[in-house]
Amino acid sequence: MRVEEFTYALPDSSIAQEAIEPRHDSRLLDTRDLSDHRFIDLASLLRSGDLVVVNETRVRAARLTGTRRQTGGSVELLILSEGRGGLWEALARPARRLRPGVIIDFEGLTATVVDGPREGMVVVDLEAPDVESAIAAAGEVPLPPYFQGTLEDSSRYQTMFARNTGSAAAPTAGLHFTPEVVRALDEAGVAMATVDLHVGIDTFRPITTHEVEGHRMHSEWCAVPEATAAAVREARRSGGRVVAVGTTVVRALESFADEEGLVLATQGLTELFLKPGDPFRVVDGLVTNFHVPGSTLVVLVAAFMGPRWREAYRTALERGYRFLSFGDAMYAER
């Protein structure tokens, strides 16, 4: 499959540059019949017995600005994830001169480059009495590079479910949820459950190979709790649908799926890259934003929906839906 099969023309005017309030006033396209709704109406698109699964990851204040100790030059690191031996992966700018041994000083935190740079990435050893606390104190929440607007409060880039710090970007489909949406789902007999997937570098990286099959996903840590595995079993038993809120939830559930459409309660790393032709064993419905052309996220949506994804995207563009992280959403079924 050529990457060009998953691209489309996205005008700058369609990229959301503000975060609307209240969150649930964003638009929601029902791709089954291409009808227009507001996100507050999500419950009306579902039915009693369905299960909605959200990602409870929290975005780390991962954008750090410091200086090279040797030269005083400015360096920006975007901390991605902690790896083996307590070392951390990070995107660096500028990365070209960050060779092993280079020391970068931040406020209350020191980074020593131990590997790289490779494709703009470095591996660093972070030193502080409490590394996570030091990152939180020195860093800023990293907003998407295509978002040129401003947020009065960085918490607007966190979902209402955010609990476990570890992501470099928000699971954006969850940004539309408010207590009012959750209450409406509960009143409609729709259950809710959580997974935890720490969003990593593939949110930032386009597919650089000519063929989709040549792209390698970087690993991301995820976990499915026992309560969620039990909720999936109950939905299956009662004939309900499993509705994933965002592509991260799809990947978490499908990474630990069995042949019967159930999910195992476990945790670990996943490199799952869902492409057209791959099976979906757990997820029946998907709530998701409109994604960057030619990205792994569009490939996943195409794998889930089939060729109808193009009609959905074309309709959304024609009707003035807002795209990408702070944009509107759609509901699709497998």
C-alpha atoms as a PDB file:
ATOM      1  CA  MET A   1       0.000   0.000   0.000  1.00  0.00           C
ATOM      2  CA  ARG A   2       1.353   3.396  -1.000  1.00  0.00           C
ATOM      3  CA  VAL A   3       1.342   6.189   1.558  1.00  0.00           C
ATOM      4  CA  GLU A   4      -0.382   8.371  -1.050  1.00  0.00           C
ATOM      5  CA  GLU A   5      -3.504   6.245  -0.605  1.00  0.00           C
ATOM      6  CA  PHE A   6      -3.917   7.743   2.869  1.00  0.00           C
ATOM      7  CA  THR A   7      -3.333  11.414   2.104  1.00  0.00           C
ATOM      8  CA  TYR A   8      -5.839  14.164   1.411  1.00  0.00           C
ATOM      9  CA  ALA A   9      -5.757  17.929   0.882  1.00  0.00           C
ATOM     10  CA  LEU A  10      -5.997  19.678   4.267  1.00  0.00           C
ATOM     11  CA  PRO A  11      -6.213  23.487   3.966  1.00  0.00           C
ATOM     12  CA  ASP A  12      -4.702  25.524   6.789  1.00  0.00           C
ATOM     13  CA  SER A  13      -8.106  27.104   7.365  1.00  0.00           C
ATOM     14  CA  SER A  14      -9.495  23.718   8.473  1.00  0.00           C
ATOM     15  CA  ILE A  15      -6.908  23.219  11.248  1.00  0.00           C
ATOM     16  CA  ALA A  16      -8.394  24.198  14.609  1.00  0.00           C
ATOM     17  CA  GLN A  17      -6.488  27.093  16.168  1.00  0.00           C
ATOM     18  CA  GLU A  18      -8.567  27.534  19.298  1.00  0.00           C
ATOM     19  CA  ALA A  19      -9.991  25.299  21.985  1.00  0.00           C
ATOM     20  CA  ILE A  20     -13.714  25.913  22.150  1.00  0.00           C
ATOM     21  CA  GLU A  21     -15.666  26.024  25.391  1.00  0.00           C
ATOM     22  CA  PRO A  22     -17.465  24.140  26.660  1.00  0.00           C
ATOM     23  CA  ARG A  23     -15.552  21.174  25.314  1.00  0.00           C
ATOM     24  CA  HIS A  24     -18.696  19.233  24.463  1.00  0.00           C
ATOM     25  CA  ASP A  25     -19.811  21.959  22.025  1.00  0.00           C
ATOM     26  CA  SER A  26     -17.425  20.515  19.436  1.00  0.00           C
ATOM     27  CA  ARG A  27     -19.091  18.969  16.401  1.00  0.00           C
ATOM     28  CA  LEU A  28     -19.548  15.218  15.952  1.00  0.00           C
ATOM     29  CA  LEU A  29     -20.047  13.584  12.547  1.00  0.00           C
ATOM     30  CA  ASP A  30     -21.916  10.273  12.575  1.00  0.00           C
ATOM     31  CA  THR A  31     -20.214   8.543   9.658  1.00  0.00           C
ATOM     32  CA  ARG A  32     -22.930   5.885   9.428  1.00  0.00           C
ATOM     33  CA  ASP A  33     -25.330   8.344   7.787  1.00  0.00           C
ATOM     34  CA  LEU A  34     -23.123  11.478   7.647  1.00  0.00           C
ATOM     35  CA  SER A  35     -25.426  13.332  10.038  1.00  0.00           C
ATOM     36  CA  ASP A  36     -24.208  16.306  12.082  1.00  0.00           C
ATOM     37  CA  HIS A  37     -24.314  16.404  15.879  1.00  0.00           C
ATOM     38  CA  ARG A  38     -22.679  18.057  18.865  1.00  0.00           C
ATOM     39  CA  PHE A  39     -20.431  16.002  21.108  1.00  0.00           C
ATOM     40  CA  ILE A  40     -22.874  16.418  23.976  1.00  0.00           C
ATOM     41  CA  ASP A  41     -25.157  14.192  21.867  1.00  0.00           C
ATOM     42  CA  LEU A  42     -22.755  11.213  21.875  1.00  0.00           C
ATOM     43  CA  ALA A  43     -25.048   9.112  24.072  1.00  0.00           C
ATOM     44  CA  SER A  44     -27.832   9.368  21.479  1.00  0.00           C
ATOM     45  CA  LEU A  45     -25.596   7.595  18.946  1.00  0.00           C
ATOM     46  CA  LEU A  46     -25.044   4.645  21.271  1.00  0.00           C
ATOM     47  CA  ARG A  47     -27.353   2.203  23.011  1.00  0.00           C
ATOM     48  CA  SER A  48     -27.801   0.649  26.412  1.00  0.00           C
ATOM     49  CA  GLY A  49     -25.226  -2.067  27.033  1.00  0.00           C
ATOM     50  CA  ASP A  50     -22.474  -0.422  24.999  1.00  0.00           C
ATOM     51  CA  LEU A  51     -19.075   0.143  26.596  1.00  0.00           C
ATOM     52  CA  VAL A  52     -17.075   3.339  26.053  1.00  0.00           C
ATOM     53  CA  VAL A  53     -13.348   3.009  26.760  1.00  0.00           C
ATOM     54  CA  VAL A  54     -11.144   6.080  27.340  1.00  0.00           C
ATOM     55  CA  ASN A  55      -7.405   6.627  27.795  1.00  0.00           C
ATOM     56  CA  GLU A  56      -6.518   7.943  31.244  1.00  0.00           C
ATOM     57  CA  THR A  57      -2.949   8.955  30.392  1.00  0.00           C
ATOM     58  CA  ARG A  58      -1.743  12.405  31.414  1.00  0.00           C
ATOM     59  CA  VAL A  59       0.497  14.614  29.272  1.00  0.00           C
ATOM     60  CA  ARG A  60       3.888  15.216  30.820  1.00  0.00           C
ATOM     61  CA  ALA A  61       5.228  18.801  30.913  1.00  0.00           C
ATOM     62  CA  ALA A  62       7.831  17.399  28.568  1.00  0.00           C
ATOM     63  CA  ARG A  63       9.116  20.419  26.637  1.00  0.00           C
ATOM     64  CA  LEU A  64      12.371  21.531  28.285  1.00  0.00           C
ATOM     65  CA  THR A  65      14.513  24.497  27.259  1.00  0.00           C
ATOM     66  CA  GLY A  66      18.102  24.587  28.491  1.00  0.00           C
ATOM     67  CA  THR A  67      21.705  25.367  27.551  1.00  0.00           C
ATOM     68  CA  ARG A  68      24.692  23.271  26.530  1.00  0.00           C
ATOM     69  CA  ARG A  69      27.165  23.443  29.376  1.00  0.00           C
ATOM     70  CA  GLN A  70      30.136  23.389  26.998  1.00  0.00           C
ATOM     71  CA  THR A  71      29.012  26.252  24.737  1.00  0.00           C
ATOM     72  CA  GLY A  72      26.024  27.979  26.307  1.00  0.00           C
ATOM     73  CA  GLY A  73      23.942  27.291  23.198  1.00  0.00           C
ATOM     74  CA  SER A  74      20.196  26.895  23.584  1.00  0.00           C
ATOM     75  CA  VAL A  75      18.716  23.394  23.330  1.00  0.00           C
ATOM     76  CA  GLU A  76      15.125  22.175  23.437  1.00  0.00           C
ATOM     77  CA  LEU A  77      14.277  18.624  24.443  1.00  0.00           C
ATOM     78  CA  LEU A  78      10.890  16.993  24.148  1.00  0.00           C
ATOM     79  CA  ILE A  79      10.985  14.114  26.622  1.00  0.00           C
ATOM     80  CA  LEU A  80       9.220  11.074  25.171  1.00  0.00           C
ATOM     81  CA  SER A  81       9.608   8.063  27.435  1.00  0.00           C
ATOM     82  CA  GLU A  82      11.808   6.371  30.008  1.00  0.00           C
ATOM     83  CA  GLY A  83      13.614   3.329  28.706  1.00  0.00           C
ATOM     84  CA  ARG A  84      15.934   0.701  30.070  1.00  0.00           C
ATOM     85  CA  GLY A  85      18.452   1.615  32.715  1.00  0.00           C
ATOM     86  CA  GLY A  86      16.618   4.801  33.642  1.00  0.00           C
ATOM     87  CA  LEU A  87      17.604   6.497  30.364  1.00  0.00           C
ATOM     88  CA  TRP A  88      15.144   8.697  28.474  1.00  0.00           C
ATOM     89  CA  GLU A  89      14.329   9.133  24.794  1.00  0.00           C
ATOM     90  CA  ALA A  90      13.833  12.695  23.620  1.00  0.00           C
ATOM     91  CA  LEU A  91      13.389  14.707  20.465  1.00  0.00           C
ATOM     92  CA  ALA A  92      16.036  17.419  20.333  1.00  0.00           C
ATOM     93  CA  ARG A  93      16.275  20.768  18.592  1.00  0.00           C
ATOM     94  CA  PRO A  94      18.859  21.421  17.321  1.00  0.00           C
ATOM     95  CA  ALA A  95      20.017  17.807  17.442  1.00  0.00           C
ATOM     96  CA  ARG A  96      23.025  17.829  15.110  1.00  0.00           C
ATOM     97  CA  ARG A  97      25.655  18.686  17.739  1.00  0.00           C
ATOM     98  CA  LEU A  98      24.242  16.653  20.601  1.00  0.00           C
ATOM     99  CA  ARG A  99      26.885  13.932  20.642  1.00  0.00           C
ATOM    100  CA  PRO A 100      27.424  11.510  23.536  1.00  0.00           C
ATOM    101  CA  GLY A 101      28.933  13.328  26.486  1.00  0.00           C
ATOM    102  CA  VAL A 102      27.239  16.672  25.848  1.00  0.00           C
ATOM    103  CA  ILE A 103      25.658  18.033  29.039  1.00  0.00           C
ATOM    104  CA  ILE A 104      22.528  20.182  28.953  1.00  0.00           C
ATOM    105  CA  ASP A 105      21.512  22.209  31.993  1.00  0.00           C
ATOM    106  CA  PHE A 106      17.883  22.937  32.781  1.00  0.00           C
ATOM    107  CA  GLU A 107      16.384  24.550  35.843  1.00  0.00           C
ATOM    108  CA  GLY A 108      16.758  21.896  38.550  1.00  0.00           C
ATOM    109  CA  LEU A 109      17.656  19.187  36.052  1.00  0.00           C
ATOM    110  CA  THR A 110      20.687  18.013  34.052  1.00  0.00           C
ATOM    111  CA  ALA A 111      20.674  15.873  30.897  1.00  0.00           C
ATOM    112  CA  THR A 112      23.743  14.013  29.630  1.00  0.00           C
ATOM    113  CA  VAL A 113      23.561  12.693  26.075  1.00  0.00           C
ATOM    114  CA  VAL A 114      24.460   9.002  25.955  1.00  0.00           C
ATOM    115  CA  ASP A 115      23.356   8.101  22.427  1.00  0.00           C
ATOM    116  CA  GLY A 116      22.384   9.795  19.171  1.00  0.00           C
ATOM    117  CA  PRO A 117      21.423  11.889  17.452  1.00  0.00           C
ATOM    118  CA  ARG A 118      19.360   9.683  15.128  1.00  0.00           C
ATOM    119  CA  GLU A 119      16.527  11.222  13.128  1.00  0.00           C
ATOM    120  CA  GLY A 120      16.363  14.093  15.591  1.00  0.00           C
ATOM    121  CA  MET A 121      16.267  11.826  18.620  1.00  0.00           C
ATOM    122  CA  VAL A 122      18.725  11.420  21.469  1.00  0.00           C
ATOM    123  CA  VAL A 123      18.966   9.214  24.528  1.00  0.00           C
ATOM    124  CA  VAL A 124      19.781  11.135  27.699  1.00  0.00           C
ATOM    125  CA  ASP A 125      20.533  10.423  31.328  1.00  0.00           C
ATOM    126  CA  LEU A 126      18.424  12.812  33.427  1.00  0.00           C
ATOM    127  CA  GLU A 127      19.797  13.748  36.835  1.00  0.00           C
ATOM    128  CA  ALA A 128      17.708  15.274  39.629  1.00  0.00           C
ATOM    129  CA  PRO A 129      16.651  14.232  43.143  1.00  0.00           C
ATOM    130  CA  ASP A 130      13.230  13.346  41.672  1.00  0.00           C
ATOM    131  CA  VAL A 131      13.296  13.297  37.865  1.00  0.00           C
ATOM    132  CA  GLU A 132       9.530  13.383  37.261  1.00  0.00           C
ATOM    133  CA  SER A 133       9.072  16.250  39.699  1.00  0.00           C
ATOM    134  CA  ALA A 134      11.982  18.122  38.115  1.00  0.00           C
ATOM    135  CA  ILE A 135      10.509  17.701  34.616  1.00  0.00           C
ATOM    136  CA  ALA A 136       7.138  18.939  35.873  1.00  0.00           C
ATOM    137  CA  ALA A 137       8.765  21.997  37.469  1.00  0.00           C
ATOM    138  CA  ALA A 138      11.052  22.924  34.568  1.00  0.00           C
ATOM    139  CA  GLY A 139       8.977  21.892  31.573  1.00  0.00           C
ATOM    140  CA  GLU A 140       5.949  23.031  29.625  1.00  0.00           C
ATOM    141  CA  VAL A 141       3.118  20.921  28.244  1.00  0.00           C
ATOM    142  CA  PRO A 142       4.034  20.398  24.567  1.00  0.00           C
ATOM    143  CA  LEU A 143       1.308  21.649  22.258  1.00  0.00           C
ATOM    144  CA  PRO A 144       1.128  20.302  18.681  1.00  0.00           C
ATOM    145  CA  PRO A 145       3.405  22.150  16.223  1.00  0.00           C
ATOM    146  CA  TYR A 146       0.499  22.937  13.884  1.00  0.00           C
ATOM    147  CA  PHE A 147      -1.433  24.669  16.705  1.00  0.00           C
ATOM    148  CA  GLN A 148      -0.598  28.373  16.498  1.00  0.00           C
ATOM    149  CA  GLY A 149      -3.198  29.522  19.018  1.00  0.00           C
ATOM    150  CA  THR A 150      -2.820  30.035  22.743  1.00  0.00           C
ATOM    151  CA  LEU A 151      -4.276  28.332  25.792  1.00  0.00           C
ATOM    152  CA  GLU A 152      -5.060  30.334  28.908  1.00  0.00           C
ATOM    153  CA  ASP A 153      -4.608  27.161  30.932  1.00  0.00           C
ATOM    154  CA  SER A 154      -2.411  24.231  29.883  1.00  0.00           C
ATOM    155  CA  SER A 155      -4.904  21.873  31.531  1.00  0.00           C
ATOM    156  CA  ARG A 156      -7.092  22.423  28.451  1.00  0.00           C
ATOM    157  CA  TYR A 157      -4.700  19.990  26.739  1.00  0.00           C
ATOM    158  CA  GLN A 158      -5.499  17.326  29.334  1.00  0.00           C
ATOM    159  CA  THR A 159      -8.592  15.137  29.241  1.00  0.00           C
ATOM    160  CA  MET A 160     -10.932  14.997  32.217  1.00  0.00           C
ATOM    161  CA  PHE A 161      -9.734  11.400  32.706  1.00  0.00           C
ATOM    162  CA  ALA A 162      -5.996  12.241  32.877  1.00  0.00           C
ATOM    163  CA  ARG A 163      -4.386  10.448  35.819  1.00  0.00           C
ATOM    164  CA  ASN A 164      -1.121   8.705  34.947  1.00  0.00           C
ATOM    165  CA  THR A 165       1.673  10.978  33.712  1.00  0.00           C
ATOM    166  CA  GLY A 166       3.634   9.598  30.780  1.00  0.00           C
ATOM    167  CA  SER A 167       2.441  10.955  27.422  1.00  0.00           C
ATOM    168  CA  ALA A 168       4.140  13.390  25.076  1.00  0.00           C
ATOM    169  CA  ALA A 169       0.775  14.333  23.561  1.00  0.00           C
ATOM    170  CA  ALA A 170      -2.865  14.208  24.570  1.00  0.00           C
ATOM    171  CA  PRO A 171      -5.240  11.439  23.463  1.00  0.00           C
ATOM    172  CA  THR A 172      -7.225  14.134  21.700  1.00  0.00           C
ATOM    173  CA  ALA A 173     -10.541  12.329  21.215  1.00  0.00           C
ATOM    174  CA  GLY A 174     -10.908  12.432  24.983  1.00  0.00           C
ATOM    175  CA  LEU A 175     -10.609  16.240  25.056  1.00  0.00           C
ATOM    176  CA  HIS A 176     -14.294  16.561  24.111  1.00  0.00           C
ATOM    177  CA  PHE A 177     -15.570  14.846  27.242  1.00  0.00           C
ATOM    178  CA  THR A 178     -17.145  16.746  30.131  1.00  0.00           C
ATOM    179  CA  PRO A 179     -19.051  15.591  33.214  1.00  0.00           C
ATOM    180  CA  GLU A 180     -22.247  16.325  31.289  1.00  0.00           C
ATOM    181  CA  VAL A 181     -21.264  13.869  28.543  1.00  0.00           C
ATOM    182  CA  VAL A 182     -20.364  11.200  31.091  1.00  0.00           C
ATOM    183  CA  ARG A 183     -23.651  11.721  32.924  1.00  0.00           C
ATOM    184  CA  ALA A 184     -25.628  11.392  29.674  1.00  0.00           C
ATOM    185  CA  LEU A 185     -23.833   8.123  28.869  1.00  0.00           C
ATOM    186  CA  ASP A 186     -24.626   6.765  32.320  1.00  0.00           C
ATOM    187  CA  GLU A 187     -28.306   7.728  32.008  1.00  0.00           C
ATOM    188  CA  ALA A 188     -28.417   5.970  28.624  1.00  0.00           C
ATOM    189  CA  GLY A 189     -27.114   2.741  30.144  1.00  0.00           C
ATOM    190  CA  VAL A 190     -23.681   3.038  28.508  1.00  0.00           C
ATOM    191  CA  ALA A 191     -20.826   1.801  30.690  1.00  0.00           C
ATOM    192  CA  MET A 192     -17.333   3.304  30.790  1.00  0.00           C
ATOM    193  CA  ALA A 193     -13.872   1.826  31.332  1.00  0.00           C
ATOM    194  CA  THR A 194     -10.260   2.934  30.991  1.00  0.00           C
ATOM    195  CA  VAL A 195      -6.936   1.917  29.518  1.00  0.00           C
ATOM    196  CA  ASP A 196      -3.601   3.676  29.831  1.00  0.00           C
ATOM    197  CA  LEU A 197      -1.431   4.177  26.746  1.00  0.00           C
ATOM    198  CA  HIS A 198       1.436   6.644  26.899  1.00  0.00           C
ATOM    199  CA  VAL A 199       1.412   8.542  23.611  1.00  0.00           C
ATOM    200  CA  GLY A 200       4.869   8.646  22.042  1.00  0.00           C
ATOM    201  CA  ILE A 201       6.844   9.710  19.002  1.00  0.00           C
ATOM    202  CA  ASP A 202       4.566   8.358  16.265  1.00  0.00           C
ATOM    203  CA  THR A 203       2.148  11.174  17.038  1.00  0.00           C
ATOM    204  CA  PHE A 204       4.852  13.561  15.791  1.00  0.00           C
ATOM    205  CA  ARG A 205       6.453  11.529  13.037  1.00  0.00           C
ATOM    206  CA  PRO A 206       4.966  11.188   9.548  1.00  0.00           C
ATOM    207  CA  ILE A 207       5.330   7.968   7.577  1.00  0.00           C
ATOM    208  CA  THR A 208       8.612   8.426   5.720  1.00  0.00           C
ATOM    209  CA  THR A 209       8.585   5.219   3.683  1.00  0.00           C
ATOM    210  CA  HIS A 210       6.959   5.006   0.249  1.00  0.00           C
ATOM    211  CA  GLU A 211       4.981   1.927   1.260  1.00  0.00           C
ATOM    212  CA  VAL A 212       2.907   1.753   4.415  1.00  0.00           C
ATOM    213  CA  GLU A 213       4.189  -1.729   5.239  1.00  0.00           C
ATOM    214  CA  GLY A 214       7.738  -0.357   5.502  1.00  0.00           C
ATOM    215  CA  HIS A 215       6.914   1.927   8.426  1.00  0.00           C
ATOM    216  CA  ARG A 216       7.958   0.752  11.877  1.00  0.00           C
ATOM    217  CA  MET A 217       6.003   1.948  14.883  1.00  0.00           C
ATOM    218  CA  HIS A 218       7.956   2.953  17.951  1.00  0.00           C
ATOM    219  CA  SER A 219       6.952   1.091  21.087  1.00  0.00           C
ATOM    220  CA  GLU A 220       4.556   2.686  23.555  1.00  0.00           C
ATOM    221  CA  TRP A 221       3.716   1.504  27.050  1.00  0.00           C
ATOM    222  CA  CYS A 222       0.092   0.570  27.695  1.00  0.00           C
ATOM    223  CA  ALA A 223      -2.009  -1.228  30.266  1.00  0.00           C
ATOM    224  CA  VAL A 224      -5.470  -2.790  30.366  1.00  0.00           C
ATOM    225  CA  PRO A 225      -6.773  -3.171  33.941  1.00  0.00           C
ATOM    226  CA  GLU A 226      -8.792  -6.180  35.057  1.00  0.00           C
ATOM    227  CA  ALA A 227     -11.908  -4.031  35.475  1.00  0.00           C
ATOM    228  CA  THR A 228     -11.723  -3.116  31.788  1.00  0.00           C
ATOM    229  CA  ALA A 229     -11.196  -6.699  30.689  1.00  0.00           C
ATOM    230  CA  ALA A 230     -14.261  -7.641  32.750  1.00  0.00           C
ATOM    231  CA  ALA A 231     -16.285  -4.781  31.244  1.00  0.00           C
ATOM    232  CA  VAL A 232     -15.428  -5.998  27.716  1.00  0.00           C
ATOM    233  CA  ARG A 233     -16.554  -9.514  28.668  1.00  0.00           C
ATOM    234  CA  GLU A 234     -19.843  -8.145  29.973  1.00  0.00           C
ATOM    235  CA  ALA A 235     -20.422  -6.066  26.837  1.00  0.00           C
ATOM    236  CA  ARG A 236     -19.810  -9.140  24.700  1.00  0.00           C
ATOM    237  CA  ARG A 237     -22.141 -11.246  26.862  1.00  0.00           C
ATOM    238  CA  SER A 238     -24.980  -8.719  26.694  1.00  0.00           C
ATOM    239  CA  GLY A 239     -24.601  -7.895  22.998  1.00  0.00           C
ATOM    240  CA  GLY A 240     -23.192  -4.423  23.578  1.00  0.00           C
ATOM    241  CA  ARG A 241     -20.579  -2.722  21.442  1.00  0.00           C
ATOM    242  CA  VAL A 242     -17.067  -1.778  22.548  1.00  0.00           C
ATOM    243  CA  VAL A 243     -16.501   1.863  21.588  1.00  0.00           C
ATOM    244  CA  ALA A 244     -12.918   3.151  21.699  1.00  0.00           C
ATOM    245  CA  VAL A 245     -12.360   6.841  22.334  1.00  0.00           C
ATOM    246  CA  GLY A 246      -9.360   7.547  20.141  1.00  0.00           C
ATOM    247  CA  THR A 247      -6.806   5.554  18.207  1.00  0.00           C
ATOM    248  CA  THR A 248      -4.705   5.051  21.338  1.00  0.00           C
ATOM    249  CA  VAL A 249      -7.526   3.082  22.946  1.00  0.00           C
ATOM    250  CA  VAL A 250      -7.916   1.000  19.777  1.00  0.00           C
ATOM    251  CA  ARG A 251      -4.231   0.102  19.862  1.00  0.00           C
ATOM    252  CA  ALA A 252      -4.278  -0.715  23.581  1.00  0.00           C
ATOM    253  CA  LEU A 253      -7.303  -3.005  23.329  1.00  0.00           C
ATOM    254  CA  GLU A 254      -6.300  -4.697  20.089  1.00  0.00           C
ATOM    255  CA  SER A 255      -2.734  -5.233  21.325  1.00  0.00           C
ATOM    256  CA  PHE A 256      -4.015  -7.586  24.026  1.00  0.00           C
ATOM    257  CA  ALA A 257      -7.009  -9.103  22.198  1.00  0.00           C
ATOM    258  CA  ASP A 258      -7.737 -12.798  21.988  1.00  0.00           C
ATOM    259  CA  GLU A 259      -9.459 -14.755  19.230  1.00  0.00           C
ATOM    260  CA  GLU A 260     -12.858 -14.487  20.935  1.00  0.00           C
ATOM    261  CA  GLY A 261     -12.940 -10.692  20.884  1.00  0.00           C
ATOM    262  CA  LEU A 262     -12.050 -10.336  24.538  1.00  0.00           C
ATOM    263  CA  VAL A 263      -9.085  -8.489  25.981  1.00  0.00           C
ATOM    264  CA  LEU A 264      -6.469  -9.650  28.452  1.00  0.00           C
ATOM    265  CA  ALA A 265      -5.780  -7.680  31.615  1.00  0.00           C
ATOM    266  CA  THR A 266      -2.071  -6.967  31.303  1.00  0.00           C
ATOM    267  CA  GLN A 267       0.507  -4.291  30.598  1.00  0.00           C
ATOM    268  CA  GLY A 268       3.554  -3.920  28.426  1.00  0.00           C
ATOM    269  CA  LEU A 269       4.937  -2.347  25.274  1.00  0.00           C
ATOM    270  CA  THR A 270       3.081  -2.312  21.983  1.00  0.00           C
ATOM    271  CA  GLU A 271       4.286  -1.640  18.449  1.00  0.00           C
ATOM    272  CA  LEU A 272       0.935  -2.533  16.880  1.00  0.00           C
ATOM    273  CA  PHE A 273       0.389  -0.787  13.532  1.00  0.00           C
ATOM    274  CA  LEU A 274      -3.122  -1.499  12.246  1.00  0.00           C
ATOM    275  CA  LYS A 275      -3.422  -1.373   8.459  1.00  0.00           C
ATOM    276  CA  PRO A 276      -6.180  -2.240   5.985  1.00  0.00           C
ATOM    277  CA  GLY A 277      -6.596  -6.009   6.015  1.00  0.00           C
ATOM    278  CA  ASP A 278      -5.603  -6.410   9.666  1.00  0.00           C
ATOM    279  CA  PRO A 279      -8.270  -7.854  11.995  1.00  0.00           C
ATOM    280  CA  PHE A 280     -10.083  -5.880  14.680  1.00  0.00           C
ATOM    281  CA  ARG A 281     -11.083  -8.320  17.391  1.00  0.00           C
ATOM    282  CA  VAL A 282     -12.338  -6.074  20.210  1.00  0.00           C
ATOM    283  CA  VAL A 283     -13.338  -2.618  18.990  1.00  0.00           C
ATOM    284  CA  ASP A 284     -16.736  -2.171  17.311  1.00  0.00           C
ATOM    285  CA  GLY A 285     -17.059   1.624  17.387  1.00  0.00           C
ATOM    286  CA  LEU A 286     -14.594   4.497  17.286  1.00  0.00           C
ATOM    287  CA  VAL A 287     -14.797   8.115  18.412  1.00  0.00           C
ATOM    288  CA  THR A 288     -11.867  10.013  16.943  1.00  0.00           C
ATOM    289  CA  ASN A 289     -10.707  13.384  15.679  1.00  0.00           C
ATOM    290  CA  PHE A 290      -9.711  14.101  12.067  1.00  0.00           C
ATOM    291  CA  HIS A 291      -6.007  13.368  11.629  1.00  0.00           C
ATOM    292  CA  VAL A 292      -2.929  14.576   9.753  1.00  0.00           C
ATOM    293  CA  PRO A 293      -2.830  13.407   6.111  1.00  0.00           C
ATOM    294  CA  GLY A 294      -0.612  10.397   5.480  1.00  0.00           C
ATOM    295  CA  SER A 295      -0.209   9.590   9.175  1.00  0.00           C
ATOM    296  CA  THR A 296      -0.390   6.229  10.903  1.00  0.00           C
ATOM    297  CA  LEU A 297      -3.611   7.483  12.491  1.00  0.00           C
ATOM    298  CA  VAL A 298      -5.316   7.913   9.111  1.00  0.00           C
ATOM    299  CA  VAL A 299      -4.100   4.433   8.148  1.00  0.00           C
ATOM    300  CA  LEU A 300      -5.710   3.029  11.302  1.00  0.00           C
ATOM    301  CA  VAL A 301      -8.998   4.834  10.579  1.00  0.00           C
ATOM    302  CA  ALA A 302      -8.930   3.487   7.010  1.00  0.00           C
ATOM    303  CA  ALA A 303      -8.282  -0.006   8.342  1.00  0.00           C
ATOM    304  CA  PHE A 304     -11.253   0.332  10.688  1.00  0.00           C
ATOM    305  CA  MET A 305     -13.760   1.984   8.321  1.00  0.00           C
ATOM    306  CA  GLY A 306     -12.605   0.788   4.932  1.00  0.00           C
ATOM    307  CA  PRO A 307     -12.840   3.137   1.912  1.00  0.00           C
ATOM    308  CA  ARG A 308     -15.676   5.090   3.596  1.00  0.00           C
ATOM    309  CA  TRP A 309     -13.057   7.080   5.481  1.00  0.00           C
ATOM    310  CA  ARG A 310     -12.540   9.282   2.427  1.00  0.00           C
ATOM    311  CA  GLU A 311     -16.218  10.164   2.187  1.00  0.00           C
ATOM    312  CA  ALA A 312     -16.280  11.000   5.893  1.00  0.00           C
ATOM    313  CA  TYR A 313     -13.229  13.254   5.628  1.00  0.00           C
ATOM    314  CA  ARG A 314     -14.486  14.895   2.439  1.00  0.00           C
ATOM    315  CA  THR A 315     -17.866  15.576   4.055  1.00  0.00           C
ATOM    316  CA  ALA A 316     -16.249  17.029   7.161  1.00  0.00           C
ATOM    317  CA  LEU A 317     -14.111  19.386   5.091  1.00  0.00           C
ATOM    318  CA  GLU A 318     -17.060  20.509   2.981  1.00  0.00           C
ATOM    319  CA  ARG A 319     -19.155  21.213   6.090  1.00  0.00           C
ATOM    320  CA  GLY A 320     -16.447  23.197   7.852  1.00  0.00           C
ATOM    321  CA  TYR A 321     -15.486  20.728  10.565  1.00  0.00           C
ATOM    322  CA  ARG A 322     -12.344  21.657  12.474  1.00  0.00           C
ATOM    323  CA  PHE A 323      -9.413  19.228  12.092  1.00  0.00           C
ATOM    324  CA  LEU A 324      -6.553  17.886  14.241  1.00  0.00           C
ATOM    325  CA  SER A 325      -5.967  18.090  17.992  1.00  0.00           C
ATOM    326  CA  PHE A 326      -8.366  20.853  19.047  1.00  0.00           C
ATOM    327  CA  GLY A 327     -10.809  20.108  16.250  1.00  0.00           C
ATOM    328  CA  ASP A 328     -14.072  18.225  15.986  1.00  0.00           C
ATOM    329  CA  ALA A 329     -14.738  14.483  16.107  1.00  0.00           C
ATOM    330  CA  MET A 330     -16.492  11.680  14.272  1.00  0.00           C
ATOM    331  CA  TYR A 331     -18.131   8.421  15.239  1.00  0.00           C
ATOM    332  CA  ALA A 332     -17.503   5.343  13.098  1.00  0.00           C
ATOM    333  CA  GLU A 333     -18.345   1.664  13.293  1.00  0.00           C
ATOM    334  CA  ARG A 334     -16.296  -1.255  12.082  1.00  0.00           C
END
